[in-house]
Amino acid sequence: MTINDVRAAGRTAYPWLRSMAVTASLLLFGYGLLRLIGGLGGHRDKSAWPWMIGHTLFLFGIVAFGAVIVGLHGLLRATSSPLRAVDDVAAVAGLLGAVGFGWVILGDLFPRFADAVNTPGLVLAGGPALFELGLLTLLFRAAFVRLLPIWGPVLVLVGFASIAVQLDLLPIGAALVLAGLLPLGGSRPR
């Protein structure tokens, strides 16, 4: 199967991939904006509406990113690459990380849940790292097989890095992630 065949198959077999990537990025952007609004008074009240709605958007965004991971993995499986094992490990890592991320967000939204399950520190630290590592590996692999321009995963990496440096940069980081994911499932990369 040629790269053009894979691209065409990706547009027909995974027509939702681009819209899911855009949705995930916009949900992350909304979370970032609400996080900034919630912090305007100098402190963040976990019971205030911006915090609650923002974290809910964040949770839905992580679920949408999980769907993006599944779609990317499916597209990459259609290529005749000798690196299928890398794709499989990256997808599993990304999805495990998304589950860990979701677990942490649920604990933030529902303190009784956090108290009842006693979230281990490994989930707190490992979830986001596995999620980002898995997603970025799949994105760089997609760029390697020319399903995505190389600047796409680079922008996603810079977006995630900016968020890691300062959470107040969430809207900017989300905009970079959106720009990096926008070519997914679209026309042929240049």
N, C-alpha and C. Protein backbone atom coordinates (compact mmCIF):
# COMPACT_ATOMS: atom_id res chain seq x y z
N MET A 1 0.85 -1.17 0.00
CA MET A 1 0.00 0.00 0.00
C MET A 1 0.90 1.24 0.00
N THR A 2 0.66 2.15 -0.93
CA THR A 2 1.48 3.35 -1.02
C THR A 2 1.00 4.38 0.00
N ILE A 3 1.84 5.40 0.19
CA ILE A 3 1.49 6.48 1.13
C ILE A 3 0.21 7.17 0.68
N ASN A 4 0.06 7.38 -0.63
CA ASN A 4 -1.16 8.03 -1.13
C ASN A 4 -2.39 7.16 -0.85
N ASP A 5 -2.24 5.83 -0.95
CA ASP A 5 -3.34 4.93 -0.61
C ASP A 5 -3.71 5.04 0.86
N VAL A 6 -2.67 5.12 1.72
CA VAL A 6 -2.91 5.25 3.16
C VAL A 6 -3.59 6.57 3.47
N ARG A 7 -3.15 7.64 2.81
CA ARG A 7 -3.79 8.95 3.02
C ARG A 7 -5.26 8.90 2.63
N ALA A 8 -5.52 8.31 1.46
CA ALA A 8 -6.91 8.22 0.99
C ALA A 8 -7.73 7.34 1.94
N ALA A 9 -7.14 6.23 2.38
CA ALA A 9 -7.84 5.35 3.32
C ALA A 9 -8.09 6.08 4.63
N GLY A 10 -7.15 6.89 5.06
CA GLY A 10 -7.30 7.64 6.30
C GLY A 10 -8.44 8.63 6.23
N ARG A 11 -8.62 9.23 5.05
CA ARG A 11 -9.73 10.18 4.90
C ARG A 11 -11.08 9.47 4.88
N THR A 12 -11.10 8.21 4.39
CA THR A 12 -12.37 7.50 4.34
C THR A 12 -12.61 6.64 5.57
N ALA A 13 -11.56 5.97 6.07
CA ALA A 13 -11.74 5.08 7.23
C ALA A 13 -11.77 5.86 8.54
N TYR A 14 -11.10 6.99 8.57
CA TYR A 14 -11.03 7.80 9.79
C TYR A 14 -11.43 9.25 9.49
N PRO A 15 -12.63 9.46 8.93
CA PRO A 15 -13.02 10.83 8.59
C PRO A 15 -13.18 11.70 9.83
N TRP A 16 -13.33 11.10 10.97
CA TRP A 16 -13.54 11.82 12.23
C TRP A 16 -12.22 12.25 12.87
N LEU A 17 -11.09 11.78 12.35
CA LEU A 17 -9.82 12.02 13.03
C LEU A 17 -9.50 13.51 13.15
N ARG A 18 -9.63 14.25 12.07
CA ARG A 18 -9.33 15.68 12.12
C ARG A 18 -10.30 16.40 13.06
N SER A 19 -11.60 16.10 12.95
CA SER A 19 -12.57 16.79 13.80
C SER A 19 -12.36 16.44 15.27
N MET A 20 -11.96 15.20 15.55
CA MET A 20 -11.68 14.82 16.94
C MET A 20 -10.44 15.55 17.45
N ALA A 21 -9.41 15.68 16.61
CA ALA A 21 -8.19 16.39 17.00
C ALA A 21 -8.50 17.87 17.27
N VAL A 22 -9.31 18.47 16.42
CA VAL A 22 -9.70 19.88 16.61
C VAL A 22 -10.52 20.01 17.88
N THR A 23 -11.48 19.11 18.08
CA THR A 23 -12.31 19.15 19.28
C THR A 23 -11.47 19.02 20.54
N ALA A 24 -10.55 18.06 20.56
CA ALA A 24 -9.69 17.86 21.73
C ALA A 24 -8.89 19.13 22.04
N SER A 25 -8.34 19.73 21.00
CA SER A 25 -7.53 20.94 21.18
C SER A 25 -8.38 22.11 21.67
N LEU A 26 -9.58 22.25 21.12
CA LEU A 26 -10.47 23.34 21.55
C LEU A 26 -10.93 23.15 22.99
N LEU A 27 -11.17 21.90 23.38
CA LEU A 27 -11.54 21.64 24.78
C LEU A 27 -10.38 22.00 25.72
N LEU A 28 -9.17 21.68 25.31
CA LEU A 28 -7.99 22.06 26.10
C LEU A 28 -7.86 23.58 26.16
N PHE A 29 -8.13 24.25 25.05
CA PHE A 29 -8.09 25.72 25.00
C PHE A 29 -9.13 26.31 25.95
N GLY A 30 -10.35 25.77 25.90
CA GLY A 30 -11.42 26.24 26.80
C GLY A 30 -11.05 26.06 28.25
N TYR A 31 -10.44 24.92 28.57
CA TYR A 31 -9.97 24.69 29.94
C TYR A 31 -8.95 25.76 30.33
N GLY A 32 -8.04 26.05 29.44
CA GLY A 32 -7.02 27.06 29.74
C GLY A 32 -7.62 28.44 29.99
N LEU A 33 -8.59 28.82 29.15
CA LEU A 33 -9.24 30.13 29.34
C LEU A 33 -9.99 30.18 30.67
N LEU A 34 -10.75 29.13 30.97
CA LEU A 34 -11.49 29.12 32.23
C LEU A 34 -10.55 29.08 33.43
N ARG A 35 -9.41 28.43 33.28
CA ARG A 35 -8.42 28.42 34.36
C ARG A 35 -7.90 29.84 34.62
N LEU A 36 -7.67 30.59 33.55
CA LEU A 36 -7.23 31.98 33.70
C LEU A 36 -8.33 32.84 34.33
N ILE A 37 -9.56 32.67 33.87
CA ILE A 37 -10.69 33.44 34.43
C ILE A 37 -10.85 33.12 35.91
N GLY A 38 -10.74 31.84 36.26
CA GLY A 38 -10.89 31.44 37.66
C GLY A 38 -9.80 31.97 38.56
N GLY A 39 -8.65 32.29 37.99
CA GLY A 39 -7.54 32.79 38.79
C GLY A 39 -7.40 34.29 38.82
N LEU A 40 -8.36 35.01 38.24
CA LEU A 40 -8.27 36.47 38.19
C LEU A 40 -8.27 37.12 39.56
N GLY A 41 -8.91 36.51 40.53
CA GLY A 41 -8.98 37.09 41.87
C GLY A 41 -7.72 36.82 42.69
N GLY A 42 -6.75 36.15 42.11
CA GLY A 42 -5.51 35.86 42.83
C GLY A 42 -5.44 34.45 43.38
N HIS A 43 -6.56 33.77 43.47
CA HIS A 43 -6.55 32.37 43.92
C HIS A 43 -7.61 31.60 43.15
N ARG A 44 -7.45 30.30 43.09
CA ARG A 44 -8.39 29.46 42.36
C ARG A 44 -9.28 28.70 43.35
N ASP A 45 -10.57 28.95 43.26
CA ASP A 45 -11.54 28.29 44.12
C ASP A 45 -12.04 27.04 43.41
N LYS A 46 -11.75 25.88 43.98
CA LYS A 46 -12.11 24.61 43.34
C LYS A 46 -13.62 24.37 43.29
N SER A 47 -14.39 25.16 43.97
CA SER A 47 -15.84 24.99 43.91
C SER A 47 -16.48 26.02 42.98
N ALA A 48 -15.70 26.94 42.44
CA ALA A 48 -16.25 27.98 41.56
C ALA A 48 -16.53 27.40 40.17
N TRP A 49 -17.47 27.99 39.47
CA TRP A 49 -17.88 27.48 38.16
C TRP A 49 -16.74 27.45 37.14
N PRO A 50 -15.83 28.44 37.06
CA PRO A 50 -14.78 28.32 36.04
C PRO A 50 -13.90 27.08 36.25
N TRP A 51 -13.61 26.80 37.50
CA TRP A 51 -12.75 25.65 37.81
C TRP A 51 -13.47 24.35 37.46
N MET A 52 -14.73 24.22 37.88
CA MET A 52 -15.49 23.00 37.63
C MET A 52 -15.73 22.75 36.14
N ILE A 53 -16.19 23.79 35.44
CA ILE A 53 -16.46 23.64 34.01
C ILE A 53 -15.14 23.41 33.26
N GLY A 54 -14.10 24.14 33.66
CA GLY A 54 -12.80 23.97 33.01
C GLY A 54 -12.27 22.55 33.14
N HIS A 55 -12.35 21.99 34.33
CA HIS A 55 -11.88 20.62 34.53
C HIS A 55 -12.76 19.61 33.78
N THR A 56 -14.04 19.90 33.65
CA THR A 56 -14.91 19.03 32.87
C THR A 56 -14.51 19.07 31.39
N LEU A 57 -14.23 20.26 30.88
CA LEU A 57 -13.74 20.38 29.51
C LEU A 57 -12.43 19.61 29.33
N PHE A 58 -11.56 19.73 30.32
CA PHE A 58 -10.27 19.05 30.29
C PHE A 58 -10.48 17.53 30.22
N LEU A 59 -11.39 17.02 31.03
CA LEU A 59 -11.68 15.58 31.02
C LEU A 59 -12.18 15.13 29.65
N PHE A 60 -13.13 15.86 29.08
CA PHE A 60 -13.63 15.52 27.74
C PHE A 60 -12.53 15.64 26.69
N GLY A 61 -11.65 16.63 26.87
CA GLY A 61 -10.53 16.79 25.95
C GLY A 61 -9.59 15.61 25.98
N ILE A 62 -9.31 15.09 27.16
CA ILE A 62 -8.42 13.92 27.28
C ILE A 62 -9.08 12.71 26.62
N VAL A 63 -10.39 12.55 26.79
CA VAL A 63 -11.10 11.45 26.12
C VAL A 63 -10.99 11.62 24.60
N ALA A 64 -11.15 12.84 24.11
CA ALA A 64 -11.03 13.09 22.67
C ALA A 64 -9.61 12.82 22.18
N PHE A 65 -8.61 13.19 22.97
CA PHE A 65 -7.23 12.87 22.59
C PHE A 65 -7.02 11.36 22.56
N GLY A 66 -7.69 10.63 23.44
CA GLY A 66 -7.62 9.17 23.40
C GLY A 66 -8.14 8.64 22.06
N ALA A 67 -9.22 9.23 21.57
CA ALA A 67 -9.74 8.83 20.26
C ALA A 67 -8.75 9.17 19.15
N VAL A 68 -8.06 10.29 19.27
CA VAL A 68 -7.04 10.66 18.29
C VAL A 68 -5.92 9.61 18.29
N ILE A 69 -5.52 9.16 19.47
CA ILE A 69 -4.48 8.13 19.56
C ILE A 69 -4.94 6.86 18.84
N VAL A 70 -6.19 6.46 19.06
CA VAL A 70 -6.73 5.26 18.39
C VAL A 70 -6.73 5.46 16.87
N GLY A 71 -7.17 6.62 16.41
CA GLY A 71 -7.20 6.89 14.97
C GLY A 71 -5.82 6.92 14.34
N LEU A 72 -4.87 7.57 15.01
CA LEU A 72 -3.49 7.59 14.51
C LEU A 72 -2.92 6.18 14.43
N HIS A 73 -3.15 5.40 15.47
CA HIS A 73 -2.66 4.03 15.48
C HIS A 73 -3.24 3.24 14.32
N GLY A 74 -4.53 3.41 14.06
CA GLY A 74 -5.16 2.72 12.94
C GLY A 74 -4.57 3.14 11.61
N LEU A 75 -4.32 4.42 11.43
CA LEU A 75 -3.70 4.89 10.18
C LEU A 75 -2.31 4.32 10.01
N LEU A 76 -1.54 4.33 11.08
CA LEU A 76 -0.16 3.83 10.99
C LEU A 76 -0.14 2.32 10.76
N ARG A 77 -1.11 1.60 11.28
CA ARG A 77 -1.17 0.15 11.06
C ARG A 77 -1.41 -0.16 9.58
N ALA A 78 -2.02 0.77 8.85
CA ALA A 78 -2.28 0.57 7.43
C ALA A 78 -1.02 0.69 6.59
N THR A 79 0.03 1.27 7.13
CA THR A 79 1.29 1.36 6.39
C THR A 79 2.05 0.06 6.56
N SER A 80 2.91 -0.22 5.62
CA SER A 80 3.70 -1.45 5.72
C SER A 80 5.04 -1.12 6.38
N SER A 81 4.97 -0.59 7.56
CA SER A 81 6.15 -0.15 8.28
C SER A 81 6.71 -1.28 9.14
N PRO A 82 8.05 -1.37 9.21
CA PRO A 82 8.65 -2.35 10.12
C PRO A 82 8.57 -1.90 11.58
N LEU A 83 8.04 -0.72 11.82
CA LEU A 83 7.99 -0.16 13.17
C LEU A 83 6.60 -0.32 13.81
N ARG A 84 5.87 -1.32 13.40
CA ARG A 84 4.53 -1.53 13.96
C ARG A 84 4.55 -1.71 15.47
N ALA A 85 5.58 -2.38 15.96
CA ALA A 85 5.68 -2.59 17.41
C ALA A 85 5.81 -1.26 18.14
N VAL A 86 6.53 -0.32 17.54
CA VAL A 86 6.67 1.02 18.13
C VAL A 86 5.30 1.69 18.18
N ASP A 87 4.55 1.57 17.10
CA ASP A 87 3.21 2.16 17.05
C ASP A 87 2.30 1.56 18.12
N ASP A 88 2.39 0.23 18.27
CA ASP A 88 1.56 -0.46 19.26
C ASP A 88 1.91 -0.01 20.68
N VAL A 89 3.20 0.04 20.99
CA VAL A 89 3.64 0.45 22.33
C VAL A 89 3.24 1.90 22.59
N ALA A 90 3.42 2.76 21.58
CA ALA A 90 3.06 4.17 21.74
C ALA A 90 1.56 4.34 21.98
N ALA A 91 0.75 3.58 21.25
CA ALA A 91 -0.71 3.68 21.43
C ALA A 91 -1.12 3.21 22.82
N VAL A 92 -0.55 2.09 23.26
CA VAL A 92 -0.89 1.58 24.59
C VAL A 92 -0.44 2.58 25.66
N ALA A 93 0.78 3.11 25.52
CA ALA A 93 1.28 4.09 26.49
C ALA A 93 0.40 5.33 26.51
N GLY A 94 0.04 5.83 25.33
CA GLY A 94 -0.80 7.02 25.25
C GLY A 94 -2.17 6.80 25.87
N LEU A 95 -2.76 5.63 25.62
CA LEU A 95 -4.09 5.36 26.18
C LEU A 95 -4.02 5.12 27.69
N LEU A 96 -2.98 4.42 28.16
CA LEU A 96 -2.81 4.26 29.61
C LEU A 96 -2.61 5.62 30.27
N GLY A 97 -1.83 6.47 29.62
CA GLY A 97 -1.62 7.82 30.14
C GLY A 97 -2.90 8.63 30.17
N ALA A 98 -3.73 8.47 29.11
CA ALA A 98 -5.02 9.18 29.08
C ALA A 98 -5.92 8.72 30.21
N VAL A 99 -5.91 7.41 30.49
CA VAL A 99 -6.70 6.89 31.61
C VAL A 99 -6.18 7.47 32.92
N GLY A 100 -4.85 7.50 33.08
CA GLY A 100 -4.26 8.09 34.29
C GLY A 100 -4.61 9.56 34.43
N PHE A 101 -4.52 10.28 33.32
CA PHE A 101 -4.89 11.70 33.31
C PHE A 101 -6.35 11.85 33.73
N GLY A 102 -7.22 11.04 33.13
CA GLY A 102 -8.65 11.10 33.47
C GLY A 102 -8.90 10.79 34.93
N TRP A 103 -8.16 9.83 35.46
CA TRP A 103 -8.26 9.46 36.88
C TRP A 103 -7.95 10.66 37.76
N VAL A 104 -6.87 11.37 37.43
CA VAL A 104 -6.46 12.54 38.21
C VAL A 104 -7.52 13.64 38.11
N ILE A 105 -8.05 13.87 36.91
CA ILE A 105 -9.07 14.91 36.72
C ILE A 105 -10.33 14.56 37.49
N LEU A 106 -10.73 13.29 37.44
CA LEU A 106 -11.90 12.88 38.22
C LEU A 106 -11.68 13.11 39.71
N GLY A 107 -10.46 12.85 40.18
CA GLY A 107 -10.13 13.11 41.58
C GLY A 107 -10.21 14.59 41.92
N ASP A 108 -9.83 15.45 40.95
CA ASP A 108 -9.95 16.90 41.16
C ASP A 108 -11.41 17.33 41.19
N LEU A 109 -12.20 16.77 40.29
CA LEU A 109 -13.61 17.16 40.21
C LEU A 109 -14.44 16.62 41.38
N PHE A 110 -14.10 15.43 41.82
CA PHE A 110 -14.88 14.77 42.87
C PHE A 110 -13.95 14.36 44.02
N PRO A 111 -13.76 15.24 44.99
CA PRO A 111 -12.83 14.94 46.09
C PRO A 111 -13.13 13.63 46.80
N ARG A 112 -14.39 13.25 46.90
CA ARG A 112 -14.73 11.97 47.55
C ARG A 112 -14.16 10.80 46.75
N PHE A 113 -14.15 10.94 45.43
CA PHE A 113 -13.55 9.91 44.58
C PHE A 113 -12.06 9.81 44.88
N ALA A 114 -11.40 10.96 44.97
CA ALA A 114 -9.97 10.97 45.26
C ALA A 114 -9.68 10.35 46.62
N ASP A 115 -10.51 10.66 47.61
CA ASP A 115 -10.32 10.10 48.95
C ASP A 115 -10.57 8.59 48.95
N ALA A 116 -11.57 8.16 48.20
CA ALA A 116 -11.95 6.74 48.21
C ALA A 116 -10.92 5.86 47.52
N VAL A 117 -10.32 6.35 46.45
CA VAL A 117 -9.41 5.50 45.68
C VAL A 117 -7.94 5.75 46.01
N ASN A 118 -7.65 6.83 46.73
CA ASN A 118 -6.28 7.14 47.13
C ASN A 118 -5.31 7.01 45.95
N THR A 119 -5.40 7.96 45.03
CA THR A 119 -4.61 7.95 43.80
C THR A 119 -3.12 7.91 44.11
N PRO A 120 -2.43 6.89 43.60
CA PRO A 120 -0.99 6.80 43.85
C PRO A 120 -0.22 7.88 43.10
N GLY A 121 0.93 8.26 43.65
CA GLY A 121 1.76 9.29 43.03
C GLY A 121 2.22 8.90 41.64
N LEU A 122 2.37 7.61 41.40
CA LEU A 122 2.79 7.14 40.08
C LEU A 122 1.77 7.53 39.01
N VAL A 123 0.49 7.44 39.33
CA VAL A 123 -0.56 7.84 38.39
C VAL A 123 -0.50 9.35 38.17
N LEU A 124 -0.28 10.10 39.24
CA LEU A 124 -0.23 11.56 39.13
C LEU A 124 0.90 12.01 38.22
N ALA A 125 2.06 11.40 38.34
CA ALA A 125 3.22 11.80 37.55
C ALA A 125 3.28 11.05 36.22
N GLY A 126 2.98 9.77 36.26
CA GLY A 126 3.14 8.94 35.07
C GLY A 126 2.07 9.11 34.03
N GLY A 127 0.84 9.38 34.45
CA GLY A 127 -0.25 9.51 33.48
C GLY A 127 0.00 10.56 32.42
N PRO A 128 0.23 11.81 32.81
CA PRO A 128 0.48 12.84 31.80
C PRO A 128 1.72 12.54 30.94
N ALA A 129 2.76 12.01 31.55
CA ALA A 129 3.98 11.72 30.80
C ALA A 129 3.74 10.63 29.76
N LEU A 130 3.07 9.54 30.15
CA LEU A 130 2.77 8.46 29.20
C LEU A 130 1.85 8.95 28.08
N PHE A 131 0.86 9.75 28.45
CA PHE A 131 -0.08 10.28 27.46
C PHE A 131 0.68 11.09 26.40
N GLU A 132 1.49 12.03 26.85
CA GLU A 132 2.20 12.90 25.91
C GLU A 132 3.23 12.12 25.10
N LEU A 133 3.96 11.23 25.74
CA LEU A 133 4.96 10.44 25.04
C LEU A 133 4.32 9.56 23.97
N GLY A 134 3.21 8.89 24.32
CA GLY A 134 2.53 8.05 23.35
C GLY A 134 1.98 8.84 22.17
N LEU A 135 1.29 9.94 22.46
CA LEU A 135 0.71 10.76 21.40
C LEU A 135 1.80 11.34 20.51
N LEU A 136 2.85 11.88 21.11
CA LEU A 136 3.92 12.48 20.31
C LEU A 136 4.65 11.44 19.47
N THR A 137 4.86 10.26 20.00
CA THR A 137 5.50 9.19 19.21
C THR A 137 4.66 8.88 17.98
N LEU A 138 3.36 8.74 18.16
CA LEU A 138 2.48 8.46 17.02
C LEU A 138 2.48 9.61 16.01
N LEU A 139 2.50 10.84 16.51
CA LEU A 139 2.52 11.99 15.61
C LEU A 139 3.82 12.06 14.82
N PHE A 140 4.95 11.82 15.48
CA PHE A 140 6.23 11.83 14.76
C PHE A 140 6.31 10.67 13.78
N ARG A 141 5.73 9.53 14.14
CA ARG A 141 5.69 8.40 13.21
C ARG A 141 4.82 8.76 11.99
N ALA A 142 3.70 9.44 12.23
CA ALA A 142 2.84 9.87 11.12
C ALA A 142 3.59 10.84 10.21
N ALA A 143 4.40 11.71 10.78
CA ALA A 143 5.20 12.62 9.98
C ALA A 143 6.28 11.85 9.21
N PHE A 144 6.84 10.84 9.84
CA PHE A 144 7.89 10.03 9.21
C PHE A 144 7.36 9.33 7.96
N VAL A 145 6.13 8.86 8.00
CA VAL A 145 5.56 8.20 6.82
C VAL A 145 4.77 9.18 5.95
N ARG A 146 4.95 10.44 6.21
CA ARG A 146 4.41 11.54 5.40
C ARG A 146 2.89 11.61 5.39
N LEU A 147 2.28 11.24 6.52
CA LEU A 147 0.84 11.43 6.69
C LEU A 147 0.55 12.78 7.32
N LEU A 148 1.61 13.43 7.77
CA LEU A 148 1.51 14.70 8.49
C LEU A 148 2.81 15.46 8.23
N PRO A 149 2.77 16.77 8.04
CA PRO A 149 4.02 17.51 7.88
C PRO A 149 4.81 17.50 9.19
N ILE A 150 6.12 17.55 9.08
CA ILE A 150 6.98 17.44 10.27
C ILE A 150 6.71 18.57 11.27
N TRP A 151 6.28 19.71 10.80
CA TRP A 151 6.03 20.81 11.74
C TRP A 151 4.82 20.54 12.63
N GLY A 152 3.95 19.60 12.23
CA GLY A 152 2.78 19.27 13.05
C GLY A 152 3.16 18.75 14.43
N PRO A 153 3.89 17.62 14.49
CA PRO A 153 4.28 17.12 15.81
C PRO A 153 5.21 18.05 16.56
N VAL A 154 6.00 18.84 15.83
CA VAL A 154 6.89 19.80 16.50
C VAL A 154 6.05 20.85 17.22
N LEU A 155 5.01 21.35 16.58
CA LEU A 155 4.12 22.33 17.23
C LEU A 155 3.42 21.72 18.44
N VAL A 156 2.99 20.47 18.33
CA VAL A 156 2.34 19.80 19.46
C VAL A 156 3.34 19.67 20.62
N LEU A 157 4.56 19.30 20.32
CA LEU A 157 5.60 19.19 21.35
C LEU A 157 5.85 20.54 22.03
N VAL A 158 5.96 21.60 21.25
CA VAL A 158 6.18 22.93 21.82
C VAL A 158 4.96 23.35 22.66
N GLY A 159 3.76 23.01 22.19
CA GLY A 159 2.55 23.33 22.96
C GLY A 159 2.53 22.62 24.30
N PHE A 160 2.84 21.31 24.30
CA PHE A 160 2.88 20.56 25.56
C PHE A 160 3.99 21.08 26.47
N ALA A 161 5.13 21.43 25.88
CA ALA A 161 6.25 21.94 26.68
C ALA A 161 5.89 23.27 27.33
N SER A 162 5.19 24.14 26.61
CA SER A 162 4.81 25.43 27.18
C SER A 162 3.85 25.25 28.35
N ILE A 163 2.95 24.27 28.24
CA ILE A 163 2.02 23.99 29.33
C ILE A 163 2.76 23.45 30.54
N ALA A 164 3.76 22.60 30.28
CA ALA A 164 4.55 22.03 31.38
C ALA A 164 5.36 23.10 32.10
N VAL A 165 5.82 24.11 31.36
CA VAL A 165 6.60 25.19 31.96
C VAL A 165 5.74 26.06 32.85
N GLN A 166 4.53 26.39 32.39
CA GLN A 166 3.65 27.30 33.14
C GLN A 166 2.20 27.01 32.76
N LEU A 167 1.41 26.57 33.71
CA LEU A 167 0.02 26.23 33.43
C LEU A 167 -0.79 27.42 32.92
N ASP A 168 -0.37 28.63 33.24
CA ASP A 168 -1.07 29.80 32.73
C ASP A 168 -0.90 29.96 31.21
N LEU A 169 0.03 29.20 30.62
CA LEU A 169 0.22 29.22 29.18
C LEU A 169 -0.67 28.20 28.46
N LEU A 170 -1.62 27.61 29.19
CA LEU A 170 -2.51 26.61 28.59
C LEU A 170 -3.19 27.08 27.31
N PRO A 171 -3.76 28.29 27.25
CA PRO A 171 -4.40 28.69 25.99
C PRO A 171 -3.42 28.75 24.82
N ILE A 172 -2.22 29.25 25.07
CA ILE A 172 -1.21 29.32 24.01
C ILE A 172 -0.77 27.91 23.62
N GLY A 173 -0.52 27.07 24.62
CA GLY A 173 -0.13 25.69 24.35
C GLY A 173 -1.20 24.95 23.57
N ALA A 174 -2.46 25.16 23.95
CA ALA A 174 -3.57 24.50 23.24
C ALA A 174 -3.67 24.99 21.81
N ALA A 175 -3.43 26.28 21.59
CA ALA A 175 -3.46 26.82 20.22
C ALA A 175 -2.34 26.20 19.38
N LEU A 176 -1.18 25.99 19.98
CA LEU A 176 -0.08 25.33 19.26
C LEU A 176 -0.42 23.88 18.96
N VAL A 177 -1.03 23.19 19.91
CA VAL A 177 -1.45 21.81 19.70
C VAL A 177 -2.48 21.76 18.56
N LEU A 178 -3.43 22.68 18.57
CA LEU A 178 -4.43 22.74 17.51
C LEU A 178 -3.76 22.94 16.15
N ALA A 179 -2.85 23.89 16.07
CA ALA A 179 -2.16 24.14 14.80
C ALA A 179 -1.38 22.91 14.33
N GLY A 180 -0.79 22.19 15.27
CA GLY A 180 -0.03 21.00 14.91
C GLY A 180 -0.90 19.84 14.47
N LEU A 181 -2.10 19.74 15.01
CA LEU A 181 -2.99 18.63 14.68
C LEU A 181 -3.91 18.92 13.50
N LEU A 182 -4.03 20.16 13.11
CA LEU A 182 -4.97 20.54 12.06
C LEU A 182 -4.76 19.80 10.73
N PRO A 183 -3.53 19.50 10.34
CA PRO A 183 -3.36 18.78 9.06
C PRO A 183 -3.78 17.30 9.11
N LEU A 184 -4.09 16.76 10.28
CA LEU A 184 -4.43 15.34 10.37
C LEU A 184 -5.64 15.00 9.51
N GLY A 185 -5.50 13.95 8.73
CA GLY A 185 -6.61 13.48 7.92
C GLY A 185 -6.99 14.39 6.79
N GLY A 186 -6.22 15.42 6.60
CA GLY A 186 -6.53 16.37 5.52
C GLY A 186 -5.85 16.00 4.23
N SER A 187 -5.61 16.99 3.42
CA SER A 187 -4.96 16.74 2.15
C SER A 187 -3.49 16.42 2.34
N ARG A 188 -2.86 16.10 1.29
CA ARG A 188 -1.46 15.67 1.31
C ARG A 188 -0.55 16.73 1.90
N PRO A 189 0.34 16.36 2.85
CA PRO A 189 1.28 17.33 3.41
C PRO A 189 2.23 17.84 2.36
N ARG A 190 2.67 19.05 2.52
CA ARG A 190 3.63 19.63 1.57
C ARG A 190 5.03 19.34 2.01
